[in-house]
Amino acid sequence: MINNDIVLSPAFRTALLRRYIADAFITMMTRINGEPVYTEDGERVLLTPEKVALNILFHIEAPWMDEFGMEDGSRLAAEALERMLTPGFMGEALRLSVAGVTEMREVYRDIIFGAPDGELPAGFEFVHGATGEVYR
């Protein structure tokens, strides 16, 4: 089990929270729908860990960074992500808090109505560790 006091890098912590939220959301949607999809008004959005994590970055974190700058926005985004998981989330069963469920439903409602799905925010890029390939 990971100790909260040991995870010191804000970027690592935020990436870990993003992944935990994505996994918890996919688990919840699979339990509800029998498969990893978000459904609403007859529309379906397939959920993969990578796409859900990108959607968290695009729809939840990036607005904080746009409004408050990279340093403060990243800190505020990380605080928002922490509130999306139940207290004691470093345990073995990850679950979204009520705020987390609400936030993720808002993200996926926006996607159903045409918001970007699985895209990086403008100006962001990921570099694949093994191949060095850059994703924008």
N, C-alpha and C. Protein backbone atom coordinates (compact mmCIF):
# COMPACT_ATOMS: atom_id res chain seq x y z
N MET A 1 0.84 -1.17 0.00
CA MET A 1 0.00 0.00 0.00
C MET A 1 0.89 1.24 0.00
N ILE A 2 0.46 2.27 -0.70
CA ILE A 2 1.22 3.52 -0.80
C ILE A 2 0.86 4.42 0.37
N ASN A 3 1.87 5.01 0.98
CA ASN A 3 1.66 5.96 2.06
C ASN A 3 1.52 7.35 1.46
N ASN A 4 0.48 8.08 1.84
CA ASN A 4 0.25 9.44 1.33
C ASN A 4 1.45 10.35 1.53
N ASP A 5 2.21 10.18 2.59
CA ASP A 5 3.33 11.07 2.89
C ASP A 5 4.53 10.82 1.99
N ILE A 6 4.61 9.67 1.35
CA ILE A 6 5.77 9.33 0.53
C ILE A 6 5.64 9.89 -0.88
N VAL A 7 4.44 10.04 -1.40
CA VAL A 7 4.23 10.52 -2.76
C VAL A 7 4.40 12.04 -2.75
N LEU A 8 5.62 12.50 -3.05
CA LEU A 8 5.93 13.91 -2.91
C LEU A 8 5.81 14.70 -4.20
N SER A 9 6.06 14.10 -5.33
CA SER A 9 6.02 14.82 -6.59
C SER A 9 4.58 15.16 -6.95
N PRO A 10 4.25 16.46 -7.07
CA PRO A 10 2.87 16.82 -7.41
C PRO A 10 2.42 16.24 -8.76
N ALA A 11 3.29 16.22 -9.74
CA ALA A 11 2.91 15.69 -11.06
C ALA A 11 2.62 14.19 -10.97
N PHE A 12 3.46 13.46 -10.23
CA PHE A 12 3.23 12.02 -10.07
C PHE A 12 1.94 11.78 -9.31
N ARG A 13 1.74 12.52 -8.25
CA ARG A 13 0.53 12.37 -7.43
C ARG A 13 -0.72 12.62 -8.27
N THR A 14 -0.70 13.68 -9.08
CA THR A 14 -1.85 14.00 -9.92
C THR A 14 -2.10 12.90 -10.95
N ALA A 15 -1.04 12.40 -11.56
CA ALA A 15 -1.19 11.31 -12.54
C ALA A 15 -1.77 10.07 -11.87
N LEU A 16 -1.32 9.78 -10.66
CA LEU A 16 -1.83 8.64 -9.92
C LEU A 16 -3.31 8.83 -9.59
N LEU A 17 -3.68 10.02 -9.13
CA LEU A 17 -5.08 10.30 -8.84
C LEU A 17 -5.94 10.17 -10.10
N ARG A 18 -5.43 10.68 -11.21
CA ARG A 18 -6.15 10.59 -12.49
C ARG A 18 -6.41 9.13 -12.83
N ARG A 19 -5.41 8.30 -12.67
CA ARG A 19 -5.54 6.87 -12.98
C ARG A 19 -6.50 6.18 -12.02
N TYR A 20 -6.41 6.51 -10.73
CA TYR A 20 -7.32 5.93 -9.74
C TYR A 20 -8.77 6.29 -10.07
N ILE A 21 -9.01 7.55 -10.42
CA ILE A 21 -10.37 7.99 -10.74
C ILE A 21 -10.87 7.28 -11.99
N ALA A 22 -10.03 7.19 -13.00
CA ALA A 22 -10.42 6.49 -14.23
C ALA A 22 -10.79 5.04 -13.93
N ASP A 23 -9.96 4.35 -13.15
CA ASP A 23 -10.24 2.95 -12.81
C ASP A 23 -11.54 2.82 -12.01
N ALA A 24 -11.73 3.70 -11.03
CA ALA A 24 -12.94 3.65 -10.21
C ALA A 24 -14.19 3.92 -11.05
N PHE A 25 -14.10 4.88 -11.97
CA PHE A 25 -15.24 5.21 -12.83
C PHE A 25 -15.57 4.05 -13.76
N ILE A 26 -14.56 3.46 -14.37
CA ILE A 26 -14.80 2.33 -15.28
C ILE A 26 -15.38 1.15 -14.51
N THR A 27 -14.88 0.88 -13.32
CA THR A 27 -15.41 -0.20 -12.49
C THR A 27 -16.88 0.04 -12.17
N MET A 28 -17.21 1.27 -11.79
CA MET A 28 -18.59 1.60 -11.45
C MET A 28 -19.50 1.46 -12.67
N MET A 29 -19.08 1.97 -13.82
CA MET A 29 -19.90 1.89 -15.03
C MET A 29 -20.05 0.44 -15.50
N THR A 30 -19.02 -0.37 -15.33
CA THR A 30 -19.10 -1.79 -15.69
C THR A 30 -20.10 -2.50 -14.78
N ARG A 31 -20.07 -2.16 -13.49
CA ARG A 31 -21.01 -2.76 -12.55
C ARG A 31 -22.45 -2.35 -12.90
N ILE A 32 -22.65 -1.10 -13.28
CA ILE A 32 -23.99 -0.60 -13.59
C ILE A 32 -24.49 -1.11 -14.95
N ASN A 33 -23.63 -1.05 -15.96
CA ASN A 33 -24.04 -1.34 -17.34
C ASN A 33 -23.66 -2.73 -17.85
N GLY A 34 -22.88 -3.46 -17.07
CA GLY A 34 -22.45 -4.79 -17.51
C GLY A 34 -21.29 -4.76 -18.48
N GLU A 35 -20.84 -3.59 -18.86
CA GLU A 35 -19.69 -3.41 -19.74
C GLU A 35 -19.13 -2.00 -19.51
N PRO A 36 -17.88 -1.76 -19.93
CA PRO A 36 -17.27 -0.45 -19.66
C PRO A 36 -17.76 0.63 -20.63
N VAL A 37 -18.99 1.09 -20.40
CA VAL A 37 -19.57 2.15 -21.23
C VAL A 37 -20.33 3.12 -20.33
N TYR A 38 -20.38 4.37 -20.77
CA TYR A 38 -21.25 5.36 -20.15
C TYR A 38 -22.45 5.50 -21.07
N THR A 39 -23.66 5.39 -20.53
CA THR A 39 -24.86 5.51 -21.36
C THR A 39 -25.75 6.60 -20.79
N GLU A 40 -26.34 7.36 -21.71
CA GLU A 40 -27.32 8.37 -21.32
C GLU A 40 -28.12 8.77 -22.55
N ASP A 41 -29.42 8.89 -22.38
CA ASP A 41 -30.31 9.28 -23.47
C ASP A 41 -30.10 8.43 -24.72
N GLY A 42 -29.86 7.13 -24.53
CA GLY A 42 -29.67 6.23 -25.66
C GLY A 42 -28.30 6.29 -26.31
N GLU A 43 -27.45 7.17 -25.85
CA GLU A 43 -26.09 7.30 -26.37
C GLU A 43 -25.14 6.49 -25.51
N ARG A 44 -24.08 5.96 -26.14
CA ARG A 44 -23.08 5.16 -25.43
C ARG A 44 -21.69 5.69 -25.74
N VAL A 45 -20.87 5.76 -24.70
CA VAL A 45 -19.47 6.15 -24.87
C VAL A 45 -18.63 5.02 -24.29
N LEU A 46 -17.79 4.40 -25.12
CA LEU A 46 -16.90 3.33 -24.67
C LEU A 46 -15.85 3.92 -23.74
N LEU A 47 -15.58 3.24 -22.63
CA LEU A 47 -14.61 3.71 -21.64
C LEU A 47 -13.37 2.83 -21.66
N THR A 48 -12.22 3.44 -21.89
CA THR A 48 -10.93 2.77 -21.73
C THR A 48 -10.13 3.57 -20.72
N PRO A 49 -9.20 2.94 -20.02
CA PRO A 49 -8.42 3.69 -19.02
C PRO A 49 -7.73 4.92 -19.61
N GLU A 50 -7.18 4.79 -20.81
CA GLU A 50 -6.46 5.90 -21.42
C GLU A 50 -7.39 7.06 -21.76
N LYS A 51 -8.54 6.74 -22.39
CA LYS A 51 -9.48 7.80 -22.77
C LYS A 51 -10.08 8.48 -21.55
N VAL A 52 -10.43 7.72 -20.53
CA VAL A 52 -11.01 8.34 -19.33
C VAL A 52 -9.97 9.24 -18.66
N ALA A 53 -8.71 8.78 -18.58
CA ALA A 53 -7.66 9.61 -17.99
C ALA A 53 -7.46 10.90 -18.79
N LEU A 54 -7.47 10.79 -20.12
CA LEU A 54 -7.35 11.99 -20.96
C LEU A 54 -8.54 12.92 -20.76
N ASN A 55 -9.72 12.35 -20.61
CA ASN A 55 -10.90 13.19 -20.38
C ASN A 55 -10.84 13.90 -19.04
N ILE A 56 -10.28 13.26 -18.03
CA ILE A 56 -10.10 13.91 -16.73
C ILE A 56 -9.14 15.08 -16.89
N LEU A 57 -8.04 14.86 -17.60
CA LEU A 57 -7.07 15.93 -17.85
C LEU A 57 -7.72 17.07 -18.63
N PHE A 58 -8.43 16.75 -19.69
CA PHE A 58 -9.00 17.77 -20.58
C PHE A 58 -10.14 18.54 -19.91
N HIS A 59 -11.07 17.82 -19.28
CA HIS A 59 -12.30 18.44 -18.80
C HIS A 59 -12.26 18.90 -17.35
N ILE A 60 -11.37 18.34 -16.54
CA ILE A 60 -11.34 18.70 -15.12
C ILE A 60 -10.08 19.48 -14.77
N GLU A 61 -8.91 18.96 -15.14
CA GLU A 61 -7.66 19.62 -14.76
C GLU A 61 -7.34 20.86 -15.59
N ALA A 62 -7.45 20.76 -16.90
CA ALA A 62 -7.05 21.87 -17.78
C ALA A 62 -7.78 23.18 -17.48
N PRO A 63 -9.08 23.17 -17.18
CA PRO A 63 -9.74 24.44 -16.85
C PRO A 63 -9.12 25.14 -15.63
N TRP A 64 -8.70 24.37 -14.64
CA TRP A 64 -8.02 24.96 -13.47
C TRP A 64 -6.72 25.63 -13.90
N MET A 65 -5.96 24.94 -14.75
CA MET A 65 -4.68 25.49 -15.21
C MET A 65 -4.88 26.71 -16.10
N ASP A 66 -5.91 26.68 -16.93
CA ASP A 66 -6.19 27.84 -17.79
C ASP A 66 -6.55 29.06 -16.96
N GLU A 67 -7.32 28.85 -15.90
CA GLU A 67 -7.79 29.98 -15.10
C GLU A 67 -6.75 30.50 -14.12
N PHE A 68 -5.97 29.61 -13.51
CA PHE A 68 -5.07 30.01 -12.43
C PHE A 68 -3.59 29.86 -12.76
N GLY A 69 -3.25 29.50 -13.99
CA GLY A 69 -1.85 29.28 -14.35
C GLY A 69 -1.42 27.87 -14.02
N MET A 70 -0.27 27.50 -14.55
CA MET A 70 0.17 26.11 -14.43
C MET A 70 0.42 25.70 -12.97
N GLU A 71 1.13 26.50 -12.21
CA GLU A 71 1.50 26.09 -10.85
C GLU A 71 0.28 26.04 -9.92
N ASP A 72 -0.43 27.15 -9.79
CA ASP A 72 -1.60 27.17 -8.90
C ASP A 72 -2.72 26.29 -9.45
N GLY A 73 -2.92 26.33 -10.76
CA GLY A 73 -3.97 25.52 -11.36
C GLY A 73 -3.74 24.04 -11.17
N SER A 74 -2.49 23.60 -11.28
CA SER A 74 -2.17 22.19 -11.07
C SER A 74 -2.45 21.78 -9.64
N ARG A 75 -2.10 22.64 -8.70
CA ARG A 75 -2.36 22.35 -7.29
C ARG A 75 -3.86 22.27 -7.02
N LEU A 76 -4.61 23.24 -7.54
CA LEU A 76 -6.06 23.25 -7.34
C LEU A 76 -6.72 22.05 -8.03
N ALA A 77 -6.23 21.69 -9.20
CA ALA A 77 -6.76 20.52 -9.90
C ALA A 77 -6.51 19.25 -9.10
N ALA A 78 -5.32 19.12 -8.53
CA ALA A 78 -5.01 17.93 -7.72
C ALA A 78 -5.93 17.86 -6.50
N GLU A 79 -6.20 19.01 -5.89
CA GLU A 79 -7.13 19.02 -4.75
C GLU A 79 -8.53 18.59 -5.19
N ALA A 80 -8.95 19.05 -6.37
CA ALA A 80 -10.26 18.65 -6.89
C ALA A 80 -10.30 17.15 -7.16
N LEU A 81 -9.21 16.61 -7.72
CA LEU A 81 -9.16 15.17 -7.99
C LEU A 81 -9.22 14.37 -6.69
N GLU A 82 -8.54 14.84 -5.65
CA GLU A 82 -8.59 14.12 -4.37
C GLU A 82 -10.01 14.05 -3.82
N ARG A 83 -10.77 15.13 -4.00
CA ARG A 83 -12.15 15.14 -3.51
C ARG A 83 -13.05 14.20 -4.30
N MET A 84 -12.58 13.77 -5.46
CA MET A 84 -13.39 12.88 -6.29
C MET A 84 -13.32 11.42 -5.84
N LEU A 85 -12.41 11.11 -4.96
CA LEU A 85 -12.29 9.75 -4.42
C LEU A 85 -12.78 9.74 -2.98
N THR A 86 -13.26 8.58 -2.53
CA THR A 86 -13.71 8.47 -1.15
C THR A 86 -12.52 8.64 -0.22
N PRO A 87 -12.77 9.13 1.00
CA PRO A 87 -11.67 9.26 1.96
C PRO A 87 -10.99 7.92 2.18
N GLY A 88 -9.67 7.96 2.38
CA GLY A 88 -8.91 6.73 2.56
C GLY A 88 -8.74 5.97 1.26
N PHE A 89 -8.70 6.70 0.14
CA PHE A 89 -8.66 6.06 -1.18
C PHE A 89 -7.43 5.23 -1.42
N MET A 90 -6.41 5.34 -0.60
CA MET A 90 -5.20 4.55 -0.81
C MET A 90 -5.39 3.10 -0.36
N GLY A 91 -6.60 2.74 0.02
CA GLY A 91 -6.89 1.36 0.39
C GLY A 91 -7.01 0.48 -0.84
N GLU A 92 -7.51 -0.72 -0.64
CA GLU A 92 -7.54 -1.66 -1.75
C GLU A 92 -8.73 -1.48 -2.68
N ALA A 93 -9.84 -0.93 -2.21
CA ALA A 93 -11.02 -0.76 -3.06
C ALA A 93 -11.22 0.73 -3.37
N LEU A 94 -10.91 1.10 -4.61
CA LEU A 94 -11.07 2.49 -5.01
C LEU A 94 -12.52 2.76 -5.35
N ARG A 95 -13.04 3.87 -4.80
CA ARG A 95 -14.41 4.26 -5.08
C ARG A 95 -14.47 5.76 -5.26
N LEU A 96 -15.34 6.18 -6.16
CA LEU A 96 -15.56 7.61 -6.34
C LEU A 96 -16.44 8.13 -5.21
N SER A 97 -16.17 9.35 -4.80
CA SER A 97 -17.04 10.02 -3.85
C SER A 97 -18.28 10.49 -4.61
N VAL A 98 -19.26 11.02 -3.88
CA VAL A 98 -20.45 11.57 -4.54
C VAL A 98 -20.02 12.70 -5.48
N ALA A 99 -19.09 13.53 -5.03
CA ALA A 99 -18.58 14.62 -5.88
C ALA A 99 -17.90 14.05 -7.13
N GLY A 100 -17.19 12.95 -6.98
CA GLY A 100 -16.51 12.32 -8.11
C GLY A 100 -17.49 11.76 -9.13
N VAL A 101 -18.53 11.10 -8.64
CA VAL A 101 -19.55 10.56 -9.54
C VAL A 101 -20.23 11.71 -10.28
N THR A 102 -20.57 12.76 -9.56
CA THR A 102 -21.23 13.92 -10.17
C THR A 102 -20.34 14.55 -11.23
N GLU A 103 -19.08 14.75 -10.91
CA GLU A 103 -18.13 15.38 -11.84
C GLU A 103 -17.95 14.53 -13.10
N MET A 104 -17.78 13.23 -12.94
CA MET A 104 -17.57 12.36 -14.10
C MET A 104 -18.84 12.27 -14.96
N ARG A 105 -20.00 12.27 -14.34
CA ARG A 105 -21.24 12.28 -15.13
C ARG A 105 -21.35 13.56 -15.95
N GLU A 106 -20.95 14.69 -15.37
CA GLU A 106 -20.97 15.95 -16.11
C GLU A 106 -20.01 15.90 -17.29
N VAL A 107 -18.82 15.34 -17.08
CA VAL A 107 -17.85 15.21 -18.17
C VAL A 107 -18.44 14.39 -19.30
N TYR A 108 -19.02 13.25 -18.98
CA TYR A 108 -19.52 12.36 -20.03
C TYR A 108 -20.83 12.86 -20.64
N ARG A 109 -21.61 13.62 -19.93
CA ARG A 109 -22.77 14.28 -20.56
C ARG A 109 -22.28 15.28 -21.59
N ASP A 110 -21.25 16.06 -21.24
CA ASP A 110 -20.67 17.01 -22.20
C ASP A 110 -20.16 16.28 -23.44
N ILE A 111 -19.51 15.14 -23.23
CA ILE A 111 -18.98 14.36 -24.36
C ILE A 111 -20.12 13.88 -25.26
N ILE A 112 -21.19 13.39 -24.65
CA ILE A 112 -22.34 12.94 -25.44
C ILE A 112 -22.89 14.08 -26.29
N PHE A 113 -22.82 15.30 -25.76
CA PHE A 113 -23.35 16.45 -26.50
C PHE A 113 -22.29 17.16 -27.33
N GLY A 114 -21.16 16.47 -27.63
CA GLY A 114 -20.20 16.98 -28.59
C GLY A 114 -18.87 17.48 -28.07
N ALA A 115 -18.64 17.45 -26.76
CA ALA A 115 -17.33 17.87 -26.24
C ALA A 115 -16.27 16.84 -26.64
N PRO A 116 -15.00 17.25 -26.69
CA PRO A 116 -13.93 16.32 -27.08
C PRO A 116 -13.88 15.08 -26.18
N ASP A 117 -13.57 13.95 -26.79
CA ASP A 117 -13.47 12.68 -26.08
C ASP A 117 -12.10 12.08 -26.33
N GLY A 118 -11.30 11.94 -25.28
CA GLY A 118 -10.00 11.30 -25.40
C GLY A 118 -8.94 12.15 -26.06
N GLU A 119 -9.05 13.46 -25.95
CA GLU A 119 -8.07 14.36 -26.56
C GLU A 119 -7.24 15.06 -25.49
N LEU A 120 -6.03 15.42 -25.87
CA LEU A 120 -5.19 16.23 -24.98
C LEU A 120 -5.60 17.69 -25.10
N PRO A 121 -5.52 18.44 -24.00
CA PRO A 121 -5.77 19.88 -24.09
C PRO A 121 -4.72 20.54 -24.98
N ALA A 122 -5.06 21.67 -25.57
CA ALA A 122 -4.13 22.41 -26.43
C ALA A 122 -2.85 22.73 -25.67
N GLY A 123 -1.72 22.50 -26.31
CA GLY A 123 -0.43 22.79 -25.69
C GLY A 123 0.16 21.66 -24.87
N PHE A 124 -0.58 20.58 -24.67
CA PHE A 124 -0.09 19.44 -23.91
C PHE A 124 0.46 18.39 -24.86
N GLU A 125 1.43 17.61 -24.38
CA GLU A 125 1.92 16.48 -25.15
C GLU A 125 2.42 15.41 -24.19
N PHE A 126 2.34 14.18 -24.63
CA PHE A 126 2.88 13.05 -23.90
C PHE A 126 3.97 12.42 -24.75
N VAL A 127 5.03 11.98 -24.10
CA VAL A 127 6.11 11.28 -24.78
C VAL A 127 6.11 9.85 -24.27
N HIS A 128 6.00 8.90 -25.19
CA HIS A 128 6.01 7.48 -24.83
C HIS A 128 7.40 7.14 -24.30
N GLY A 129 7.45 6.57 -23.10
CA GLY A 129 8.73 6.29 -22.45
C GLY A 129 9.62 5.32 -23.20
N ALA A 130 9.04 4.31 -23.82
CA ALA A 130 9.85 3.28 -24.49
C ALA A 130 10.25 3.69 -25.90
N THR A 131 9.32 4.30 -26.63
CA THR A 131 9.60 4.60 -28.04
C THR A 131 10.01 6.04 -28.29
N GLY A 132 9.73 6.92 -27.35
CA GLY A 132 10.04 8.34 -27.54
C GLY A 132 9.05 9.04 -28.45
N GLU A 133 8.00 8.32 -28.88
CA GLU A 133 6.99 8.90 -29.75
C GLU A 133 6.22 9.98 -28.98
N VAL A 134 5.97 11.11 -29.64
CA VAL A 134 5.27 12.24 -29.02
C VAL A 134 3.82 12.23 -29.45
N TYR A 135 2.92 12.34 -28.47
CA TYR A 135 1.48 12.41 -28.74
C TYR A 135 1.01 13.81 -28.39
N ARG A 136 0.29 14.44 -29.32
CA ARG A 136 -0.24 15.79 -29.07
C ARG A 136 -1.74 15.78 -29.20
